[in-house]
Amino acid sequence: MLRSWIARFRDRNQLPEGFTLADVRAARSTRPVRIEGFSVERECPLEHTPYLAELAVQESGQPFLKWWQYFTAYDRELGVLASESREGRRKNPLRVLEIGVWRGGSLGLWRRYFGPQAVIFGVDIDPASSTFGVTDGQIRIGSQVDTAFMNDVVDDMGGVDVIIDDGSHISANVIATLHDLWPRLTDGGIYLVEDLHTSYWPAWGGGLRRPDSSMEALKRLADVLHQPYFHADADPHGLGISRDSLASVTFYDSVAVLHKRRMPPPHPFRGGADR
């Protein structure tokens, strides 16, 4: 009887196994929506079909799952890099790492988007991910929060220019992975975090304005961008990202995009005749 009640309570509030009082408070304050409430759409619901969405519709390999709105965000943020890579206009091959590949179908999508010269690796914790005969990229089995493992993967790639975190979506893991991989991302690289809606769901360690959620950690990067203008700590989550390397942070529906680039100190400019 008690176990049955706990199971219903967990399901109703989207709580993790072994939930804590903090999880319950997050559920009560957030009132999370159930994932089952979203219907799968086969036809593009967007006003304009992005090129990446066109490729996704045509893809006939292994299964994968993306939300329609991601295609617009990715075309905006990755479109220039992708066209350069497809057309062979890069001096060195573009190196792309996706964390969380399920059955590997997304690697086929990235192969068509980034072209034959791109170096594409996928990481997944499920050993089955490497058994589906995927040939569009290399799959490594291991945990995204195993620092040594992830460093070995980046070493095998010869460095990394684009990182897509579509892994566990657990807030603590998203934060830890960003902390570990940001230093490995090349100057001029792009780091993308998918499925940030889970940062509002207690089952993934989330909740609306929950201090230790991945969304709150990423929001703080707006403060990091403005660190030159105040002395207080702008990085309470310990991401280790400084304004010197963070060019921008952009939010879309369920996606955050970080651009890495060496940034000079800010300097005012006084224009006009009287200088």
C-alpha atoms as a PDB file:
ATOM      1  CA  MET A   1       0.000   0.000   0.000  1.00  0.00           C
ATOM      2  CA  LEU A   2       2.732   2.478   1.009  1.00  0.00           C
ATOM      3  CA  ARG A   3       4.887   1.592  -2.001  1.00  0.00           C
ATOM      4  CA  SER A   4       1.908   2.054  -4.315  1.00  0.00           C
ATOM      5  CA  TRP A   5       1.162   5.480  -2.811  1.00  0.00           C
ATOM      6  CA  ILE A   6       4.816   6.551  -3.130  1.00  0.00           C
ATOM      7  CA  ALA A   7       4.889   5.421  -6.765  1.00  0.00           C
ATOM      8  CA  ARG A   8       1.780   7.469  -7.565  1.00  0.00           C
ATOM      9  CA  PHE A   9       3.186  10.446  -5.665  1.00  0.00           C
ATOM     10  CA  ARG A  10       6.456  10.221  -7.611  1.00  0.00           C
ATOM     11  CA  ASP A  11       4.662   9.928 -10.931  1.00  0.00           C
ATOM     12  CA  ARG A  12       2.286  12.794 -10.213  1.00  0.00           C
ATOM     13  CA  ASN A  13       5.116  15.134  -9.207  1.00  0.00           C
ATOM     14  CA  GLN A  14       7.775  13.813 -11.626  1.00  0.00           C
ATOM     15  CA  LEU A  15      10.163  12.958  -8.823  1.00  0.00           C
ATOM     16  CA  PRO A  16      13.329  10.845  -9.087  1.00  0.00           C
ATOM     17  CA  GLU A  17      13.825   7.589  -7.221  1.00  0.00           C
ATOM     18  CA  GLY A  18      15.115   8.321  -3.747  1.00  0.00           C
ATOM     19  CA  PHE A  19      13.661  11.817  -3.985  1.00  0.00           C
ATOM     20  CA  THR A  20      14.489  14.408  -1.351  1.00  0.00           C
ATOM     21  CA  LEU A  21      12.537  17.178   0.334  1.00  0.00           C
ATOM     22  CA  ALA A  22      14.227  19.611  -2.082  1.00  0.00           C
ATOM     23  CA  ASP A  23      12.776  17.613  -4.996  1.00  0.00           C
ATOM     24  CA  VAL A  24       9.297  17.781  -3.490  1.00  0.00           C
ATOM     25  CA  ARG A  25       9.601  21.527  -2.926  1.00  0.00           C
ATOM     26  CA  ALA A  26      10.776  21.984  -6.517  1.00  0.00           C
ATOM     27  CA  ALA A  27       7.797  19.989  -7.806  1.00  0.00           C
ATOM     28  CA  ARG A  28       5.338  21.988  -5.724  1.00  0.00           C
ATOM     29  CA  SER A  29       6.757  25.353  -6.793  1.00  0.00           C
ATOM     30  CA  THR A  30       7.253  24.391 -10.455  1.00  0.00           C
ATOM     31  CA  ARG A  31       4.212  22.186 -11.187  1.00  0.00           C
ATOM     32  CA  PRO A  32       6.039  20.395 -14.010  1.00  0.00           C
ATOM     33  CA  VAL A  33       4.266  19.356 -17.199  1.00  0.00           C
ATOM     34  CA  ARG A  34       4.356  15.677 -18.085  1.00  0.00           C
ATOM     35  CA  ILE A  35       6.430  14.763 -21.149  1.00  0.00           C
ATOM     36  CA  GLU A  36       3.515  12.596 -22.337  1.00  0.00           C
ATOM     37  CA  GLY A  37       1.555  15.810 -22.836  1.00  0.00           C
ATOM     38  CA  PHE A  38       3.601  16.638 -25.933  1.00  0.00           C
ATOM     39  CA  SER A  39       2.589  14.952 -29.182  1.00  0.00           C
ATOM     40  CA  VAL A  40       5.077  13.840 -31.821  1.00  0.00           C
ATOM     41  CA  GLU A  41       4.652  15.812 -35.062  1.00  0.00           C
ATOM     42  CA  ARG A  42       5.686  14.167 -38.323  1.00  0.00           C
ATOM     43  CA  GLU A  43       5.080  17.297 -40.408  1.00  0.00           C
ATOM     44  CA  CYS A  44       7.135  20.446 -39.845  1.00  0.00           C
ATOM     45  CA  PRO A  45       5.088  22.877 -37.700  1.00  0.00           C
ATOM     46  CA  LEU A  46       7.541  25.753 -38.325  1.00  0.00           C
ATOM     47  CA  GLU A  47       6.722  28.666 -40.613  1.00  0.00           C
ATOM     48  CA  HIS A  48       9.908  28.041 -42.579  1.00  0.00           C
ATOM     49  CA  THR A  49      11.638  24.666 -42.817  1.00  0.00           C
ATOM     50  CA  PRO A  50      15.338  25.023 -41.875  1.00  0.00           C
ATOM     51  CA  TYR A  51      17.863  23.095 -43.946  1.00  0.00           C
ATOM     52  CA  LEU A  52      18.722  20.856 -40.996  1.00  0.00           C
ATOM     53  CA  ALA A  53      15.021  19.982 -40.634  1.00  0.00           C
ATOM     54  CA  GLU A  54      14.903  19.064 -44.334  1.00  0.00           C
ATOM     55  CA  LEU A  55      17.796  16.679 -43.773  1.00  0.00           C
ATOM     56  CA  ALA A  56      16.135  15.253 -40.660  1.00  0.00           C
ATOM     57  CA  VAL A  57      12.932  14.472 -42.562  1.00  0.00           C
ATOM     58  CA  GLN A  58      14.945  12.742 -45.305  1.00  0.00           C
ATOM     59  CA  GLU A  59      17.088  10.721 -42.866  1.00  0.00           C
ATOM     60  CA  SER A  60      16.220   7.018 -43.119  1.00  0.00           C
ATOM     61  CA  GLY A  61      18.878   5.444 -40.896  1.00  0.00           C
ATOM     62  CA  GLN A  62      18.740   4.591 -37.217  1.00  0.00           C
ATOM     63  CA  PRO A  63      16.116   6.371 -35.041  1.00  0.00           C
ATOM     64  CA  PHE A  64      16.821   9.653 -33.284  1.00  0.00           C
ATOM     65  CA  LEU A  65      14.768  12.252 -31.443  1.00  0.00           C
ATOM     66  CA  LYS A  66      14.983  16.042 -31.716  1.00  0.00           C
ATOM     67  CA  TRP A  67      12.408  18.755 -31.063  1.00  0.00           C
ATOM     68  CA  TRP A  68      11.337  20.735 -34.132  1.00  0.00           C
ATOM     69  CA  GLN A  69      12.430  24.090 -32.689  1.00  0.00           C
ATOM     70  CA  TYR A  70      16.019  22.849 -32.362  1.00  0.00           C
ATOM     71  CA  PHE A  71      16.481  22.835 -36.127  1.00  0.00           C
ATOM     72  CA  THR A  72      15.959  26.592 -36.356  1.00  0.00           C
ATOM     73  CA  ALA A  73      18.380  27.238 -33.487  1.00  0.00           C
ATOM     74  CA  TYR A  74      21.016  24.935 -34.955  1.00  0.00           C
ATOM     75  CA  ASP A  75      20.798  26.412 -38.444  1.00  0.00           C
ATOM     76  CA  ARG A  76      21.285  29.874 -36.965  1.00  0.00           C
ATOM     77  CA  GLU A  77      24.191  28.896 -34.755  1.00  0.00           C
ATOM     78  CA  LEU A  78      25.901  26.211 -36.843  1.00  0.00           C
ATOM     79  CA  GLY A  79      24.814  27.026 -40.379  1.00  0.00           C
ATOM     80  CA  VAL A  80      27.985  28.886 -41.433  1.00  0.00           C
ATOM     81  CA  LEU A  81      30.296  26.236 -39.965  1.00  0.00           C
ATOM     82  CA  ALA A  82      28.231  23.487 -41.547  1.00  0.00           C
ATOM     83  CA  SER A  83      28.285  24.983 -45.033  1.00  0.00           C
ATOM     84  CA  GLU A  84      32.046  25.589 -44.809  1.00  0.00           C
ATOM     85  CA  SER A  85      32.538  21.996 -43.724  1.00  0.00           C
ATOM     86  CA  ARG A  86      30.239  20.486 -46.387  1.00  0.00           C
ATOM     87  CA  GLU A  87      31.888  22.517 -49.139  1.00  0.00           C
ATOM     88  CA  GLY A  88      35.447  21.721 -48.038  1.00  0.00           C
ATOM     89  CA  ARG A  89      36.278  25.375 -47.322  1.00  0.00           C
ATOM     90  CA  ARG A  90      37.890  24.727 -43.960  1.00  0.00           C
ATOM     91  CA  LYS A  91      41.624  24.413 -43.521  1.00  0.00           C
ATOM     92  CA  ASN A  92      41.128  21.543 -41.062  1.00  0.00           C
ATOM     93  CA  PRO A  93      38.194  19.121 -40.696  1.00  0.00           C
ATOM     94  CA  LEU A  94      35.446  20.258 -38.334  1.00  0.00           C
ATOM     95  CA  ARG A  95      35.413  18.100 -35.187  1.00  0.00           C
ATOM     96  CA  VAL A  96      31.962  17.448 -33.716  1.00  0.00           C
ATOM     97  CA  LEU A  97      31.148  15.605 -30.482  1.00  0.00           C
ATOM     98  CA  GLU A  98      27.600  14.628 -29.531  1.00  0.00           C
ATOM     99  CA  ILE A  99      26.980  13.361 -26.011  1.00  0.00           C
ATOM    100  CA  GLY A 100      24.024  10.981 -25.938  1.00  0.00           C
ATOM    101  CA  VAL A 101      23.342   9.210 -29.235  1.00  0.00           C
ATOM    102  CA  TRP A 102      20.734   6.576 -28.287  1.00  0.00           C
ATOM    103  CA  ARG A 103      20.638   4.345 -31.396  1.00  0.00           C
ATOM    104  CA  GLY A 104      23.056   6.521 -33.354  1.00  0.00           C
ATOM    105  CA  GLY A 105      20.607   8.022 -35.842  1.00  0.00           C
ATOM    106  CA  SER A 106      21.586  11.595 -35.038  1.00  0.00           C
ATOM    107  CA  LEU A 107      25.146  10.889 -36.199  1.00  0.00           C
ATOM    108  CA  GLY A 108      23.757  10.243 -39.679  1.00  0.00           C
ATOM    109  CA  LEU A 109      22.004  13.598 -39.539  1.00  0.00           C
ATOM    110  CA  TRP A 110      25.192  15.368 -38.485  1.00  0.00           C
ATOM    111  CA  ARG A 111      27.161  13.591 -41.213  1.00  0.00           C
ATOM    112  CA  ARG A 112      24.869  14.977 -43.887  1.00  0.00           C
ATOM    113  CA  TYR A 113      24.814  18.403 -42.281  1.00  0.00           C
ATOM    114  CA  PHE A 114      28.566  18.766 -41.722  1.00  0.00           C
ATOM    115  CA  GLY A 115      29.705  16.770 -44.726  1.00  0.00           C
ATOM    116  CA  PRO A 116      32.096  13.877 -45.427  1.00  0.00           C
ATOM    117  CA  GLN A 117      35.239  15.597 -44.145  1.00  0.00           C
ATOM    118  CA  ALA A 118      33.941  16.280 -40.630  1.00  0.00           C
ATOM    119  CA  VAL A 119      35.237  14.219 -37.708  1.00  0.00           C
ATOM    120  CA  ILE A 120      32.118  13.077 -35.853  1.00  0.00           C
ATOM    121  CA  PHE A 121      32.141  11.209 -32.540  1.00  0.00           C
ATOM    122  CA  GLY A 122      29.262  10.183 -30.307  1.00  0.00           C
ATOM    123  CA  VAL A 123      29.310   9.226 -26.632  1.00  0.00           C
ATOM    124  CA  ASP A 124      26.689   7.180 -24.818  1.00  0.00           C
ATOM    125  CA  ILE A 125      26.536   5.301 -21.526  1.00  0.00           C
ATOM    126  CA  ASP A 126      24.439   2.476 -23.030  1.00  0.00           C
ATOM    127  CA  PRO A 127      26.615  -0.272 -24.599  1.00  0.00           C
ATOM    128  CA  ALA A 128      23.769  -1.055 -27.005  1.00  0.00           C
ATOM    129  CA  SER A 129      24.443   2.244 -28.779  1.00  0.00           C
ATOM    130  CA  SER A 130      27.509   0.718 -30.404  1.00  0.00           C
ATOM    131  CA  THR A 131      25.651  -2.334 -31.756  1.00  0.00           C
ATOM    132  CA  PHE A 132      23.442  -0.742 -34.422  1.00  0.00           C
ATOM    133  CA  GLY A 133      26.003  -0.659 -37.220  1.00  0.00           C
ATOM    134  CA  VAL A 134      26.346   3.116 -37.311  1.00  0.00           C
ATOM    135  CA  THR A 135      29.009   4.192 -39.823  1.00  0.00           C
ATOM    136  CA  ASP A 136      28.453   7.963 -39.936  1.00  0.00           C
ATOM    137  CA  GLY A 137      30.590   8.583 -36.875  1.00  0.00           C
ATOM    138  CA  GLN A 138      32.530   6.804 -34.169  1.00  0.00           C
ATOM    139  CA  ILE A 139      30.731   5.859 -30.942  1.00  0.00           C
ATOM    140  CA  ARG A 140      32.479   5.601 -27.588  1.00  0.00           C
ATOM    141  CA  ILE A 141      30.764   3.985 -24.599  1.00  0.00           C
ATOM    142  CA  GLY A 142      31.190   5.690 -21.234  1.00  0.00           C
ATOM    143  CA  SER A 143      29.800   8.287 -18.861  1.00  0.00           C
ATOM    144  CA  GLN A 144      29.766  11.972 -19.675  1.00  0.00           C
ATOM    145  CA  VAL A 145      30.838  12.708 -16.092  1.00  0.00           C
ATOM    146  CA  ASP A 146      33.886  10.419 -16.298  1.00  0.00           C
ATOM    147  CA  THR A 147      36.499  13.115 -16.837  1.00  0.00           C
ATOM    148  CA  ALA A 148      39.288  10.767 -17.880  1.00  0.00           C
ATOM    149  CA  PHE A 149      37.042   8.988 -20.383  1.00  0.00           C
ATOM    150  CA  MET A 150      35.809  12.222 -21.935  1.00  0.00           C
ATOM    151  CA  ASN A 151      39.343  13.585 -22.193  1.00  0.00           C
ATOM    152  CA  ASP A 152      40.394  10.389 -23.980  1.00  0.00           C
ATOM    153  CA  VAL A 153      37.540  10.844 -26.458  1.00  0.00           C
ATOM    154  CA  VAL A 154      38.582  14.426 -27.225  1.00  0.00           C
ATOM    155  CA  ASP A 155      42.178  13.279 -27.586  1.00  0.00           C
ATOM    156  CA  ASP A 156      41.063  10.605 -30.079  1.00  0.00           C
ATOM    157  CA  MET A 157      39.260  13.310 -32.039  1.00  0.00           C
ATOM    158  CA  GLY A 158      42.352  15.493 -32.154  1.00  0.00           C
ATOM    159  CA  GLY A 159      40.450  18.258 -30.370  1.00  0.00           C
ATOM    160  CA  VAL A 160      36.847  19.415 -30.601  1.00  0.00           C
ATOM    161  CA  ASP A 161      35.157  22.392 -32.291  1.00  0.00           C
ATOM    162  CA  VAL A 162      31.469  21.680 -31.633  1.00  0.00           C
ATOM    163  CA  ILE A 163      30.027  19.955 -28.552  1.00  0.00           C
ATOM    164  CA  ILE A 164      26.356  18.970 -28.335  1.00  0.00           C
ATOM    165  CA  ASP A 165      25.211  17.805 -24.899  1.00  0.00           C
ATOM    166  CA  ASP A 166      22.195  15.563 -25.480  1.00  0.00           C
ATOM    167  CA  GLY A 167      23.210  13.198 -22.680  1.00  0.00           C
ATOM    168  CA  SER A 168      21.546  12.387 -19.379  1.00  0.00           C
ATOM    169  CA  HIS A 169      19.960  15.869 -19.029  1.00  0.00           C
ATOM    170  CA  ILE A 170      20.400  15.551 -15.264  1.00  0.00           C
ATOM    171  CA  SER A 171      21.281  19.033 -14.056  1.00  0.00           C
ATOM    172  CA  ALA A 172      24.326  17.970 -12.058  1.00  0.00           C
ATOM    173  CA  ASN A 173      25.700  16.077 -15.076  1.00  0.00           C
ATOM    174  CA  VAL A 174      25.078  18.973 -17.465  1.00  0.00           C
ATOM    175  CA  ILE A 175      26.988  21.304 -15.144  1.00  0.00           C
ATOM    176  CA  ALA A 176      29.852  18.840 -14.551  1.00  0.00           C
ATOM    177  CA  THR A 177      30.242  18.100 -18.268  1.00  0.00           C
ATOM    178  CA  LEU A 178      30.367  21.776 -19.187  1.00  0.00           C
ATOM    179  CA  HIS A 179      32.965  22.366 -16.476  1.00  0.00           C
ATOM    180  CA  ASP A 180      35.146  19.517 -17.777  1.00  0.00           C
ATOM    181  CA  LEU A 181      34.825  20.073 -21.527  1.00  0.00           C
ATOM    182  CA  TRP A 182      34.862  23.861 -21.820  1.00  0.00           C
ATOM    183  CA  PRO A 183      38.675  23.966 -21.466  1.00  0.00           C
ATOM    184  CA  ARG A 184      38.955  21.336 -24.240  1.00  0.00           C
ATOM    185  CA  LEU A 185      36.779  23.273 -26.687  1.00  0.00           C
ATOM    186  CA  THR A 186      38.839  25.116 -29.300  1.00  0.00           C
ATOM    187  CA  ASP A 187      38.970  28.887 -29.505  1.00  0.00           C
ATOM    188  CA  GLY A 188      36.093  29.808 -31.804  1.00  0.00           C
ATOM    189  CA  GLY A 189      34.210  26.650 -30.803  1.00  0.00           C
ATOM    190  CA  ILE A 190      30.517  26.250 -30.001  1.00  0.00           C
ATOM    191  CA  TYR A 191      28.982  24.398 -27.036  1.00  0.00           C
ATOM    192  CA  LEU A 192      25.291  23.502 -27.194  1.00  0.00           C
ATOM    193  CA  VAL A 193      23.085  22.082 -24.428  1.00  0.00           C
ATOM    194  CA  GLU A 194      19.872  20.379 -25.522  1.00  0.00           C
ATOM    195  CA  ASP A 195      16.641  19.516 -23.721  1.00  0.00           C
ATOM    196  CA  LEU A 196      16.913  22.234 -21.091  1.00  0.00           C
ATOM    197  CA  HIS A 197      13.220  21.784 -20.343  1.00  0.00           C
ATOM    198  CA  THR A 198      14.391  18.933 -18.095  1.00  0.00           C
ATOM    199  CA  SER A 199      16.019  21.549 -15.869  1.00  0.00           C
ATOM    200  CA  TYR A 200      12.478  22.379 -14.726  1.00  0.00           C
ATOM    201  CA  TRP A 201      11.621  18.773 -13.868  1.00  0.00           C
ATOM    202  CA  PRO A 202      12.569  17.367 -10.440  1.00  0.00           C
ATOM    203  CA  ALA A 203      13.199  13.882 -11.892  1.00  0.00           C
ATOM    204  CA  TRP A 204      16.247  15.401 -13.594  1.00  0.00           C
ATOM    205  CA  GLY A 205      17.332  17.473 -10.594  1.00  0.00           C
ATOM    206  CA  GLY A 206      15.487  20.530 -11.848  1.00  0.00           C
ATOM    207  CA  GLY A 207      12.798  22.966 -10.825  1.00  0.00           C
ATOM    208  CA  LEU A 208      11.776  26.547 -11.553  1.00  0.00           C
ATOM    209  CA  ARG A 209      14.611  28.757 -10.239  1.00  0.00           C
ATOM    210  CA  ARG A 210      16.029  25.806  -8.326  1.00  0.00           C
ATOM    211  CA  PRO A 211      19.533  27.024  -7.388  1.00  0.00           C
ATOM    212  CA  ASP A 212      21.386  23.858  -8.427  1.00  0.00           C
ATOM    213  CA  SER A 213      19.576  23.343 -11.755  1.00  0.00           C
ATOM    214  CA  SER A 214      21.437  23.503 -15.045  1.00  0.00           C
ATOM    215  CA  MET A 215      19.284  26.414 -16.214  1.00  0.00           C
ATOM    216  CA  GLU A 216      20.250  28.517 -13.216  1.00  0.00           C
ATOM    217  CA  ALA A 217      23.936  27.724 -13.806  1.00  0.00           C
ATOM    218  CA  LEU A 218      23.627  28.742 -17.451  1.00  0.00           C
ATOM    219  CA  LYS A 219      21.704  31.903 -16.573  1.00  0.00           C
ATOM    220  CA  ARG A 220      24.654  32.917 -14.419  1.00  0.00           C
ATOM    221  CA  LEU A 221      26.811  33.049 -17.524  1.00  0.00           C
ATOM    222  CA  ALA A 222      25.064  36.317 -18.368  1.00  0.00           C
ATOM    223  CA  ASP A 223      26.735  37.641 -15.211  1.00  0.00           C
ATOM    224  CA  VAL A 224      30.060  36.127 -16.267  1.00  0.00           C
ATOM    225  CA  LEU A 225      29.851  38.134 -19.503  1.00  0.00           C
ATOM    226  CA  HIS A 226      29.662  41.271 -17.391  1.00  0.00           C
ATOM    227  CA  GLN A 227      32.298  40.300 -14.802  1.00  0.00           C
ATOM    228  CA  PRO A 228      34.573  43.290 -15.686  1.00  0.00           C
ATOM    229  CA  TYR A 229      32.013  45.638 -14.171  1.00  0.00           C
ATOM    230  CA  PHE A 230      31.805  44.213 -10.639  1.00  0.00           C
ATOM    231  CA  HIS A 231      33.953  42.335  -8.108  1.00  0.00           C
ATOM    232  CA  ALA A 232      31.455  39.805  -6.702  1.00  0.00           C
ATOM    233  CA  ASP A 233      31.637  36.128  -7.673  1.00  0.00           C
ATOM    234  CA  ALA A 234      29.713  35.604 -10.938  1.00  0.00           C
ATOM    235  CA  ASP A 235      30.273  31.814 -11.019  1.00  0.00           C
ATOM    236  CA  PRO A 236      28.777  30.282  -7.856  1.00  0.00           C
ATOM    237  CA  HIS A 237      28.179  26.983  -9.691  1.00  0.00           C
ATOM    238  CA  GLY A 238      31.907  26.550 -10.295  1.00  0.00           C
ATOM    239  CA  LEU A 239      31.691  26.183 -14.065  1.00  0.00           C
ATOM    240  CA  GLY A 240      35.162  27.671 -14.375  1.00  0.00           C
ATOM    241  CA  ILE A 241      34.128  29.762 -17.380  1.00  0.00           C
ATOM    242  CA  SER A 242      35.544  33.260 -17.398  1.00  0.00           C
ATOM    243  CA  ARG A 243      34.645  36.317 -19.407  1.00  0.00           C
ATOM    244  CA  ASP A 244      38.047  36.018 -21.105  1.00  0.00           C
ATOM    245  CA  SER A 245      36.836  32.966 -23.059  1.00  0.00           C
ATOM    246  CA  LEU A 246      33.055  33.444 -23.241  1.00  0.00           C
ATOM    247  CA  ALA A 247      32.000  35.468 -26.272  1.00  0.00           C
ATOM    248  CA  SER A 248      28.245  34.962 -25.897  1.00  0.00           C
ATOM    249  CA  VAL A 249      25.486  32.843 -24.417  1.00  0.00           C
ATOM    250  CA  THR A 250      22.184  32.522 -26.274  1.00  0.00           C
ATOM    251  CA  PHE A 251      18.964  30.820 -25.178  1.00  0.00           C
ATOM    252  CA  TYR A 252      16.370  29.215 -27.411  1.00  0.00           C
ATOM    253  CA  ASP A 253      13.453  27.010 -26.396  1.00  0.00           C
ATOM    254  CA  SER A 254      15.205  24.181 -24.487  1.00  0.00           C
ATOM    255  CA  VAL A 255      18.630  24.957 -26.007  1.00  0.00           C
ATOM    256  CA  ALA A 256      21.550  27.065 -24.764  1.00  0.00           C
ATOM    257  CA  VAL A 257      24.417  28.001 -27.085  1.00  0.00           C
ATOM    258  CA  LEU A 258      27.817  29.144 -25.809  1.00  0.00           C
ATOM    259  CA  HIS A 259      30.420  30.628 -28.138  1.00  0.00           C
ATOM    260  CA  LYS A 260      34.029  30.369 -27.022  1.00  0.00           C
ATOM    261  CA  ARG A 261      36.513  32.997 -28.138  1.00  0.00           C
ATOM    262  CA  ARG A 262      39.379  34.931 -26.600  1.00  0.00           C
ATOM    263  CA  MET A 263      37.850  38.201 -25.493  1.00  0.00           C
ATOM    264  CA  PRO A 264      39.840  41.412 -24.908  1.00  0.00           C
ATOM    265  CA  PRO A 265      39.040  43.604 -21.908  1.00  0.00           C
ATOM    266  CA  PRO A 266      36.207  46.088 -22.561  1.00  0.00           C
ATOM    267  CA  HIS A 267      37.224  49.645 -23.504  1.00  0.00           C
ATOM    268  CA  PRO A 268      34.935  52.631 -23.972  1.00  0.00           C
ATOM    269  CA  PHE A 269      35.007  54.520 -27.281  1.00  0.00           C
ATOM    270  CA  ARG A 270      34.283  58.212 -27.531  1.00  0.00           C
ATOM    271  CA  GLY A 271      33.224  59.228 -31.010  1.00  0.00           C
ATOM    272  CA  GLY A 272      32.449  62.511 -32.667  1.00  0.00           C
ATOM    273  CA  ALA A 273      34.562  65.572 -33.431  1.00  0.00           C
ATOM    274  CA  ASP A 274      35.655  66.316 -29.876  1.00  0.00           C
ATOM    275  CA  ARG A 275      37.797  63.329 -28.865  1.00  0.00           C
END
